[in-house]
Amino acid sequence: MKHGPSESFTYRGVSICIHVEDAGGHVFGHADLLAGTEFMGRVSLGSARSSRQVIERLRCLAKAKVDVATVIHAATAECAKARDSDRAGAAGQN
């Protein structure tokens, strides 16, 4: 396998590092997502397309994963806030 192009960028505070390798007509790549020192995950892709196309697809998939994580984090925080508010209200009624 030949090492292909790589790139790194930050999206919504998450560092995304993309690495691509060419294996005789097929391109394999992955994008690692890091929020500070926390590993958020890896998106992998294999294709017969060009390295540039694989990198662009990985960019889109990695950004989508960050977007989903952001929505889930916000929803979880909102649920916790509502639960705590309900508990405080119930404690005040006793």
PDB file of N, CA and C in Angstrom:
ATOM      1  N   MET A   1       0.838  -1.187   0.000  1.00  0.00           N
ATOM      2  CA  MET A   1       0.000   0.000   0.000  1.00  0.00           C
ATOM      3  C   MET A   1       0.876   1.241   0.000  1.00  0.00           C
ATOM      4  N   LYS A   2       0.485   2.184  -0.812  1.00  0.00           N
ATOM      5  CA  LYS A   2       1.185   3.469  -0.831  1.00  0.00           C
ATOM      6  C   LYS A   2       0.415   4.456   0.022  1.00  0.00           C
ATOM      7  N   HIS A   3       1.168   5.190   0.819  1.00  0.00           N
ATOM      8  CA  HIS A   3       0.525   6.236   1.608  1.00  0.00           C
ATOM      9  C   HIS A   3       0.111   7.357   0.671  1.00  0.00           C
ATOM     10  N   GLY A   4      -1.129   7.754   0.800  1.00  0.00           N
ATOM     11  CA  GLY A   4      -1.647   8.839  -0.012  1.00  0.00           C
ATOM     12  C   GLY A   4      -1.663  10.128   0.776  1.00  0.00           C
ATOM     13  N   PRO A   5      -2.423  11.083   0.291  1.00  0.00           N
ATOM     14  CA  PRO A   5      -2.490  12.375   0.980  1.00  0.00           C
ATOM     15  C   PRO A   5      -3.182  12.255   2.335  1.00  0.00           C
ATOM     16  N   SER A   6      -2.825  13.135   3.215  1.00  0.00           N
ATOM     17  CA  SER A   6      -3.444  13.231   4.530  1.00  0.00           C
ATOM     18  C   SER A   6      -3.771  14.690   4.778  1.00  0.00           C
ATOM     19  N   GLU A   7      -4.718  14.910   5.654  1.00  0.00           N
ATOM     20  CA  GLU A   7      -5.022  16.290   6.031  1.00  0.00           C
ATOM     21  C   GLU A   7      -5.634  16.319   7.411  1.00  0.00           C
ATOM     22  N   SER A   8      -5.494  17.449   8.059  1.00  0.00           N
ATOM     23  CA  SER A   8      -6.058  17.670   9.388  1.00  0.00           C
ATOM     24  C   SER A   8      -6.762  19.017   9.389  1.00  0.00           C
ATOM     25  N   PHE A   9      -7.863  19.086  10.124  1.00  0.00           N
ATOM     26  CA  PHE A   9      -8.584  20.346  10.260  1.00  0.00           C
ATOM     27  C   PHE A   9      -9.411  20.287  11.535  1.00  0.00           C
ATOM     28  N   THR A  10      -9.931  21.419  11.953  1.00  0.00           N
ATOM     29  CA  THR A  10     -10.773  21.503  13.141  1.00  0.00           C
ATOM     30  C   THR A  10     -12.174  21.899  12.723  1.00  0.00           C
ATOM     31  N   TYR A  11     -13.153  21.195  13.262  1.00  0.00           N
ATOM     32  CA  TYR A  11     -14.562  21.475  12.975  1.00  0.00           C
ATOM     33  C   TYR A  11     -15.316  21.479  14.295  1.00  0.00           C
ATOM     34  N   ARG A  12     -15.927  22.623  14.634  1.00  0.00           N
ATOM     35  CA  ARG A  12     -16.680  22.783  15.884  1.00  0.00           C
ATOM     36  C   ARG A  12     -15.871  22.369  17.110  1.00  0.00           C
ATOM     37  N   GLY A  13     -14.585  22.698  17.091  1.00  0.00           N
ATOM     38  CA  GLY A  13     -13.718  22.403  18.224  1.00  0.00           C
ATOM     39  C   GLY A  13     -13.187  20.981  18.270  1.00  0.00           C
ATOM     40  N   VAL A  14     -13.499  20.185  17.253  1.00  0.00           N
ATOM     41  CA  VAL A  14     -13.028  18.797  17.192  1.00  0.00           C
ATOM     42  C   VAL A  14     -11.940  18.699  16.130  1.00  0.00           C
ATOM     43  N   SER A  15     -10.795  18.128  16.507  1.00  0.00           N
ATOM     44  CA  SER A  15      -9.705  17.912  15.552  1.00  0.00           C
ATOM     45  C   SER A  15     -10.006  16.665  14.745  1.00  0.00           C
ATOM     46  N   ILE A  16      -9.926  16.798  13.425  1.00  0.00           N
ATOM     47  CA  ILE A  16     -10.187  15.682  12.520  1.00  0.00           C
ATOM     48  C   ILE A  16      -8.928  15.443  11.696  1.00  0.00           C
ATOM     49  N   CYS A  17      -8.394  14.221  11.773  1.00  0.00           N
ATOM     50  CA  CYS A  17      -7.178  13.844  11.042  1.00  0.00           C
ATOM     51  C   CYS A  17      -7.546  12.752  10.042  1.00  0.00           C
ATOM     52  N   ILE A  18      -7.347  13.033   8.764  1.00  0.00           N
ATOM     53  CA  ILE A  18      -7.681  12.083   7.703  1.00  0.00           C
ATOM     54  C   ILE A  18      -6.397  11.498   7.133  1.00  0.00           C
ATOM     55  N   HIS A  19      -6.380  10.166   6.991  1.00  0.00           N
ATOM     56  CA  HIS A  19      -5.254   9.449   6.399  1.00  0.00           C
ATOM     57  C   HIS A  19      -5.794   8.536   5.303  1.00  0.00           C
ATOM     58  N   VAL A  20      -5.127   8.531   4.145  1.00  0.00           N
ATOM     59  CA  VAL A  20      -5.575   7.740   2.998  1.00  0.00           C
ATOM     60  C   VAL A  20      -4.405   6.927   2.465  1.00  0.00           C
ATOM     61  N   GLU A  21      -4.699   5.686   2.038  1.00  0.00           N
ATOM     62  CA  GLU A  21      -3.685   4.821   1.433  1.00  0.00           C
ATOM     63  C   GLU A  21      -4.238   4.253   0.137  1.00  0.00           C
ATOM     64  N   ASP A  22      -3.375   4.157  -0.867  1.00  0.00           N
ATOM     65  CA  ASP A  22      -3.745   3.591  -2.163  1.00  0.00           C
ATOM     66  C   ASP A  22      -3.261   2.150  -2.219  1.00  0.00           C
ATOM     67  N   ALA A  23      -4.167   1.228  -2.555  1.00  0.00           N
ATOM     68  CA  ALA A  23      -3.815  -0.196  -2.611  1.00  0.00           C
ATOM     69  C   ALA A  23      -4.201  -0.757  -3.977  1.00  0.00           C
ATOM     70  N   GLY A  24      -3.426  -0.420  -4.974  1.00  0.00           N
ATOM     71  CA  GLY A  24      -3.633  -0.979  -6.297  1.00  0.00           C
ATOM     72  C   GLY A  24      -5.019  -0.792  -6.869  1.00  0.00           C
ATOM     73  N   GLY A  25      -5.432   0.413  -7.042  1.00  0.00           N
ATOM     74  CA  GLY A  25      -6.728   0.700  -7.633  1.00  0.00           C
ATOM     75  C   GLY A  25      -7.840   0.935  -6.635  1.00  0.00           C
ATOM     76  N   HIS A  26      -7.608   0.632  -5.393  1.00  0.00           N
ATOM     77  CA  HIS A  26      -8.586   0.913  -4.353  1.00  0.00           C
ATOM     78  C   HIS A  26      -7.944   1.838  -3.334  1.00  0.00           C
ATOM     79  N   VAL A  27      -8.743   2.730  -2.829  1.00  0.00           N
ATOM     80  CA  VAL A  27      -8.269   3.699  -1.847  1.00  0.00           C
ATOM     81  C   VAL A  27      -8.977   3.415  -0.527  1.00  0.00           C
ATOM     82  N   PHE A  28      -8.194   3.331   0.539  1.00  0.00           N
ATOM     83  CA  PHE A  28      -8.736   3.126   1.869  1.00  0.00           C
ATOM     84  C   PHE A  28      -8.325   4.306   2.731  1.00  0.00           C
ATOM     85  N   GLY A  29      -9.254   4.763   3.549  1.00  0.00           N
ATOM     86  CA  GLY A  29      -8.928   5.892   4.407  1.00  0.00           C
ATOM     87  C   GLY A  29      -9.731   5.873   5.685  1.00  0.00           C
ATOM     88  N   HIS A  30      -9.282   6.687   6.628  1.00  0.00           N
ATOM     89  CA  HIS A  30     -10.016   6.859   7.873  1.00  0.00           C
ATOM     90  C   HIS A  30      -9.825   8.273   8.385  1.00  0.00           C
ATOM     91  N   ALA A  31     -10.796   8.704   9.175  1.00  0.00           N
ATOM     92  CA  ALA A  31     -10.742  10.011   9.823  1.00  0.00           C
ATOM     93  C   ALA A  31     -10.887   9.776  11.321  1.00  0.00           C
ATOM     94  N   ASP A  32      -9.902  10.227  12.091  1.00  0.00           N
ATOM     95  CA  ASP A  32      -9.961  10.139  13.549  1.00  0.00           C
ATOM     96  C   ASP A  32     -10.466  11.464  14.093  1.00  0.00           C
ATOM     97  N   LEU A  33     -11.370  11.394  15.065  1.00  0.00           N
ATOM     98  CA  LEU A  33     -11.959  12.584  15.663  1.00  0.00           C
ATOM     99  C   LEU A  33     -11.513  12.695  17.113  1.00  0.00           C
ATOM    100  N   LEU A  34     -10.925  13.843  17.472  1.00  0.00           N
ATOM    101  CA  LEU A  34     -10.433  14.077  18.829  1.00  0.00           C
ATOM    102  C   LEU A  34     -10.972  15.401  19.358  1.00  0.00           C
ATOM    103  N   ALA A  35     -11.632  15.336  20.506  1.00  0.00           N
ATOM    104  CA  ALA A  35     -12.100  16.543  21.186  1.00  0.00           C
ATOM    105  C   ALA A  35     -11.161  16.749  22.370  1.00  0.00           C
ATOM    106  N   GLY A  36     -10.190  17.619  22.196  1.00  0.00           N
ATOM    107  CA  GLY A  36      -9.152  17.773  23.214  1.00  0.00           C
ATOM    108  C   GLY A  36      -8.330  16.497  23.255  1.00  0.00           C
ATOM    109  N   THR A  37      -8.345  15.823  24.388  1.00  0.00           N
ATOM    110  CA  THR A  37      -7.634  14.542  24.499  1.00  0.00           C
ATOM    111  C   THR A  37      -8.596  13.351  24.429  1.00  0.00           C
ATOM    112  N   GLU A  38      -9.888  13.624  24.233  1.00  0.00           N
ATOM    113  CA  GLU A  38     -10.896  12.555  24.177  1.00  0.00           C
ATOM    114  C   GLU A  38     -11.082  12.047  22.747  1.00  0.00           C
ATOM    115  N   PHE A  39     -10.896  10.744  22.553  1.00  0.00           N
ATOM    116  CA  PHE A  39     -11.106  10.117  21.259  1.00  0.00           C
ATOM    117  C   PHE A  39     -12.605   9.951  21.049  1.00  0.00           C
ATOM    118  N   MET A  40     -13.149  10.598  20.020  1.00  0.00           N
ATOM    119  CA  MET A  40     -14.583  10.540  19.745  1.00  0.00           C
ATOM    120  C   MET A  40     -14.953   9.415  18.790  1.00  0.00           C
ATOM    121  N   GLY A  41     -14.000   8.939  18.024  1.00  0.00           N
ATOM    122  CA  GLY A  41     -14.319   7.855  17.107  1.00  0.00           C
ATOM    123  C   GLY A  41     -13.515   7.920  15.832  1.00  0.00           C
ATOM    124  N   ARG A  42     -13.787   6.944  14.961  1.00  0.00           N
ATOM    125  CA  ARG A  42     -13.107   6.848  13.670  1.00  0.00           C
ATOM    126  C   ARG A  42     -14.151   6.533  12.605  1.00  0.00           C
ATOM    127  N   VAL A  43     -14.031   7.214  11.484  1.00  0.00           N
ATOM    128  CA  VAL A  43     -14.854   6.941  10.316  1.00  0.00           C
ATOM    129  C   VAL A  43     -13.930   6.344   9.267  1.00  0.00           C
ATOM    130  N   SER A  44     -14.299   5.178   8.711  1.00  0.00           N
ATOM    131  CA  SER A  44     -13.457   4.507   7.710  1.00  0.00           C
ATOM    132  C   SER A  44     -14.215   4.352   6.404  1.00  0.00           C
ATOM    133  N   LEU A  45     -13.445   4.298   5.310  1.00  0.00           N
ATOM    134  CA  LEU A  45     -14.054   4.209   3.989  1.00  0.00           C
ATOM    135  C   LEU A  45     -13.079   3.556   3.023  1.00  0.00           C
ATOM    136  N   GLY A  46     -13.571   2.675   2.174  1.00  0.00           N
ATOM    137  CA  GLY A  46     -12.790   2.085   1.100  1.00  0.00           C
ATOM    138  C   GLY A  46     -13.533   2.307  -0.204  1.00  0.00           C
ATOM    139  N   SER A  47     -12.809   2.580  -1.264  1.00  0.00           N
ATOM    140  CA  SER A  47     -13.468   2.916  -2.526  1.00  0.00           C
ATOM    141  C   SER A  47     -12.509   2.738  -3.691  1.00  0.00           C
ATOM    142  N   ALA A  48     -13.069   2.611  -4.880  1.00  0.00           N
ATOM    143  CA  ALA A  48     -12.265   2.579  -6.107  1.00  0.00           C
ATOM    144  C   ALA A  48     -12.089   3.995  -6.655  1.00  0.00           C
ATOM    145  N   ARG A  49     -12.546   4.976  -5.946  1.00  0.00           N
ATOM    146  CA  ARG A  49     -12.440   6.365  -6.374  1.00  0.00           C
ATOM    147  C   ARG A  49     -11.032   6.899  -6.120  1.00  0.00           C
ATOM    148  N   SER A  50     -10.819   8.131  -6.498  1.00  0.00           N
ATOM    149  CA  SER A  50      -9.513   8.760  -6.287  1.00  0.00           C
ATOM    150  C   SER A  50      -9.316   9.135  -4.820  1.00  0.00           C
ATOM    151  N   SER A  51      -8.064   9.336  -4.451  1.00  0.00           N
ATOM    152  CA  SER A  51      -7.747   9.742  -3.083  1.00  0.00           C
ATOM    153  C   SER A  51      -8.478  11.020  -2.713  1.00  0.00           C
ATOM    154  N   ARG A  52      -8.526  11.982  -3.609  1.00  0.00           N
ATOM    155  CA  ARG A  52      -9.188  13.265  -3.339  1.00  0.00           C
ATOM    156  C   ARG A  52     -10.672  13.052  -3.059  1.00  0.00           C
ATOM    157  N   GLN A  53     -11.323  12.166  -3.825  1.00  0.00           N
ATOM    158  CA  GLN A  53     -12.748  11.897  -3.598  1.00  0.00           C
ATOM    159  C   GLN A  53     -12.969  11.218  -2.250  1.00  0.00           C
ATOM    160  N   VAL A  54     -12.082  10.303  -1.887  1.00  0.00           N
ATOM    161  CA  VAL A  54     -12.197   9.626  -0.593  1.00  0.00           C
ATOM    162  C   VAL A  54     -11.996  10.627   0.533  1.00  0.00           C
ATOM    163  N   ILE A  55     -11.031  11.511   0.406  1.00  0.00           N
ATOM    164  CA  ILE A  55     -10.804  12.540   1.431  1.00  0.00           C
ATOM    165  C   ILE A  55     -12.040  13.424   1.577  1.00  0.00           C
ATOM    166  N   GLU A  56     -12.623  13.851   0.475  1.00  0.00           N
ATOM    167  CA  GLU A  56     -13.814  14.711   0.548  1.00  0.00           C
ATOM    168  C   GLU A  56     -14.978  13.978   1.204  1.00  0.00           C
ATOM    169  N   ARG A  57     -15.157  12.703   0.876  1.00  0.00           N
ATOM    170  CA  ARG A  57     -16.238  11.919   1.488  1.00  0.00           C
ATOM    171  C   ARG A  57     -15.978  11.748   2.987  1.00  0.00           C
ATOM    172  N   LEU A  58     -14.738  11.476   3.366  1.00  0.00           N
ATOM    173  CA  LEU A  58     -14.401  11.348   4.785  1.00  0.00           C
ATOM    174  C   LEU A  58     -14.617  12.664   5.523  1.00  0.00           C
ATOM    175  N   ARG A  59     -14.293  13.784   4.875  1.00  0.00           N
ATOM    176  CA  ARG A  59     -14.548  15.103   5.487  1.00  0.00           C
ATOM    177  C   ARG A  59     -16.030  15.248   5.818  1.00  0.00           C
ATOM    178  N   CYS A  60     -16.890  14.907   4.866  1.00  0.00           N
ATOM    179  CA  CYS A  60     -18.340  15.020   5.066  1.00  0.00           C
ATOM    180  C   CYS A  60     -18.824  14.092   6.169  1.00  0.00           C
ATOM    181  N   LEU A  61     -18.370  12.837   6.153  1.00  0.00           N
ATOM    182  CA  LEU A  61     -18.789  11.876   7.170  1.00  0.00           C
ATOM    183  C   LEU A  61     -18.306  12.280   8.560  1.00  0.00           C
ATOM    184  N   ALA A  62     -17.072  12.757   8.663  1.00  0.00           N
ATOM    185  CA  ALA A  62     -16.530  13.180   9.954  1.00  0.00           C
ATOM    186  C   ALA A  62     -17.305  14.378  10.504  1.00  0.00           C
ATOM    187  N   LYS A  63     -17.606  15.349   9.643  1.00  0.00           N
ATOM    188  CA  LYS A  63     -18.387  16.512  10.087  1.00  0.00           C
ATOM    189  C   LYS A  63     -19.777  16.081  10.544  1.00  0.00           C
ATOM    190  N   ALA A  64     -20.392  15.146   9.834  1.00  0.00           N
ATOM    191  CA  ALA A  64     -21.715  14.660  10.230  1.00  0.00           C
ATOM    192  C   ALA A  64     -21.660  13.986  11.601  1.00  0.00           C
ATOM    193  N   LYS A  65     -20.600  13.221  11.850  1.00  0.00           N
ATOM    194  CA  LYS A  65     -20.444  12.565  13.154  1.00  0.00           C
ATOM    195  C   LYS A  65     -20.302  13.606  14.265  1.00  0.00           C
ATOM    196  N   VAL A  66     -19.557  14.673  14.016  1.00  0.00           N
ATOM    197  CA  VAL A  66     -19.416  15.756  14.997  1.00  0.00           C
ATOM    198  C   VAL A  66     -20.767  16.429  15.224  1.00  0.00           C
ATOM    199  N   ASP A  67     -21.512  16.688  14.142  1.00  0.00           N
ATOM    200  CA  ASP A  67     -22.829  17.323  14.269  1.00  0.00           C
ATOM    201  C   ASP A  67     -23.773  16.471  15.120  1.00  0.00           C
ATOM    202  N   VAL A  68     -23.795  15.158  14.875  1.00  0.00           N
ATOM    203  CA  VAL A  68     -24.655  14.258  15.642  1.00  0.00           C
ATOM    204  C   VAL A  68     -24.238  14.262  17.110  1.00  0.00           C
ATOM    205  N   ALA A  69     -22.949  14.180  17.376  1.00  0.00           N
ATOM    206  CA  ALA A  69     -22.461  14.194  18.757  1.00  0.00           C
ATOM    207  C   ALA A  69     -22.838  15.498  19.458  1.00  0.00           C
ATOM    208  N   THR A  70     -22.779  16.609  18.740  1.00  0.00           N
ATOM    209  CA  THR A  70     -23.137  17.913  19.309  1.00  0.00           C
ATOM    210  C   THR A  70     -24.610  17.955  19.681  1.00  0.00           C
ATOM    211  N   VAL A  71     -25.477  17.451  18.811  1.00  0.00           N
ATOM    212  CA  VAL A  71     -26.925  17.435  19.076  1.00  0.00           C
ATOM    213  C   VAL A  71     -27.231  16.522  20.261  1.00  0.00           C
ATOM    214  N   ILE A  72     -26.611  15.338  20.286  1.00  0.00           N
ATOM    215  CA  ILE A  72     -26.846  14.403  21.388  1.00  0.00           C
ATOM    216  C   ILE A  72     -26.384  15.004  22.714  1.00  0.00           C
ATOM    217  N   HIS A  73     -25.224  15.645  22.705  1.00  0.00           N
ATOM    218  CA  HIS A  73     -24.708  16.272  23.932  1.00  0.00           C
ATOM    219  C   HIS A  73     -25.669  17.363  24.417  1.00  0.00           C
ATOM    220  N   ALA A  74     -26.148  18.193  23.506  1.00  0.00           N
ATOM    221  CA  ALA A  74     -27.064  19.278  23.885  1.00  0.00           C
ATOM    222  C   ALA A  74     -28.378  18.708  24.420  1.00  0.00           C
ATOM    223  N   ALA A  75     -28.905  17.668  23.769  1.00  0.00           N
ATOM    224  CA  ALA A  75     -30.168  17.067  24.215  1.00  0.00           C
ATOM    225  C   ALA A  75     -29.998  16.406  25.580  1.00  0.00           C
ATOM    226  N   THR A  76     -28.889  15.740  25.787  1.00  0.00           N
ATOM    227  CA  THR A  76     -28.622  15.088  27.071  1.00  0.00           C
ATOM    228  C   THR A  76     -28.516  16.124  28.183  1.00  0.00           C
ATOM    229  N   ALA A  77     -27.835  17.226  27.901  1.00  0.00           N
ATOM    230  CA  ALA A  77     -27.695  18.298  28.894  1.00  0.00           C
ATOM    231  C   ALA A  77     -29.058  18.911  29.216  1.00  0.00           C
ATOM    232  N   GLU A  78     -29.894  19.096  28.192  1.00  0.00           N
ATOM    233  CA  GLU A  78     -31.227  19.681  28.392  1.00  0.00           C
ATOM    234  C   GLU A  78     -32.104  18.738  29.218  1.00  0.00           C
ATOM    235  N   CYS A  79     -32.037  17.447  28.953  1.00  0.00           N
ATOM    236  CA  CYS A  79     -32.814  16.466  29.731  1.00  0.00           C
ATOM    237  C   CYS A  79     -32.366  16.452  31.189  1.00  0.00           C
ATOM    238  N   ALA A  80     -31.059  16.508  31.413  1.00  0.00           N
ATOM    239  CA  ALA A  80     -30.536  16.519  32.776  1.00  0.00           C
ATOM    240  C   ALA A  80     -30.990  17.781  33.510  1.00  0.00           C
ATOM    241  N   LYS A  81     -30.990  18.900  32.806  1.00  0.00           N
ATOM    242  CA  LYS A  81     -31.416  20.170  33.409  1.00  0.00           C
ATOM    243  C   LYS A  81     -32.898  20.101  33.794  1.00  0.00           C
ATOM    244  N   ALA A  82     -33.725  19.561  32.898  1.00  0.00           N
ATOM    245  CA  ALA A  82     -35.160  19.436  33.180  1.00  0.00           C
ATOM    246  C   ALA A  82     -35.401  18.480  34.335  1.00  0.00           C
ATOM    247  N   ARG A  83     -34.665  17.361  34.391  1.00  0.00           N
ATOM    248  CA  ARG A  83     -34.808  16.388  35.471  1.00  0.00           C
ATOM    249  C   ARG A  83     -34.441  17.026  36.811  1.00  0.00           C
ATOM    250  N   ASP A  84     -33.337  17.774  36.822  1.00  0.00           N
ATOM    251  CA  ASP A  84     -32.911  18.428  38.056  1.00  0.00           C
ATOM    252  C   ASP A  84     -33.932  19.477  38.501  1.00  0.00           C
ATOM    253  N   SER A  85     -34.512  20.185  37.552  1.00  0.00           N
ATOM    254  CA  SER A  85     -35.531  21.192  37.855  1.00  0.00           C
ATOM    255  C   SER A  85     -36.779  20.529  38.438  1.00  0.00           C
ATOM    256  N   ASP A  86     -37.171  19.384  37.848  1.00  0.00           N
ATOM    257  CA  ASP A  86     -38.331  18.654  38.365  1.00  0.00           C
ATOM    258  C   ASP A  86     -38.080  18.166  39.785  1.00  0.00           C
ATOM    259  N   ARG A  87     -36.875  17.672  40.043  1.00  0.00           N
ATOM    260  CA  ARG A  87     -36.528  17.180  41.378  1.00  0.00           C
ATOM    261  C   ARG A  87     -36.526  18.325  42.391  1.00  0.00           C
ATOM    262  N   ALA A  88     -36.010  19.468  41.978  1.00  0.00           N
ATOM    263  CA  ALA A  88     -35.974  20.624  42.890  1.00  0.00           C
ATOM    264  C   ALA A  88     -37.389  21.089  43.205  1.00  0.00           C
ATOM    265  N   GLY A  89     -38.252  21.087  42.196  1.00  0.00           N
ATOM    266  CA  GLY A  89     -39.644  21.476  42.415  1.00  0.00           C
ATOM    267  C   GLY A  89     -40.373  20.506  43.325  1.00  0.00           C
ATOM    268  N   ALA A  90     -40.129  19.218  43.149  1.00  0.00           N
ATOM    269  CA  ALA A  90     -40.766  18.203  43.984  1.00  0.00           C
ATOM    270  C   ALA A  90     -40.262  18.292  45.420  1.00  0.00           C
ATOM    271  N   ALA A  91     -38.989  18.584  45.602  1.00  0.00           N
ATOM    272  CA  ALA A  91     -38.423  18.687  46.953  1.00  0.00           C
ATOM    273  C   ALA A  91     -38.992  19.907  47.666  1.00  0.00           C
ATOM    274  N   GLY A  92     -39.285  20.971  46.906  1.00  0.00           N
ATOM    275  CA  GLY A  92     -39.818  22.190  47.496  1.00  0.00           C
ATOM    276  C   GLY A  92     -41.265  22.044  47.928  1.00  0.00           C
ATOM    277  N   GLN A  93     -41.961  21.055  47.391  1.00  0.00           N
ATOM    278  CA  GLN A  93     -43.364  20.842  47.744  1.00  0.00           C
ATOM    279  C   GLN A  93     -43.532  20.032  49.015  1.00  0.00           C
ATOM    280  N   ASN A  94     -42.448  19.385  49.452  1.00  0.00           N
ATOM    281  CA  ASN A  94     -42.542  18.533  50.665  1.00  0.00           C
ATOM    282  C   ASN A  94     -42.429  19.355  51.911  1.00  0.00           C
TER     283      ASN A  94
END
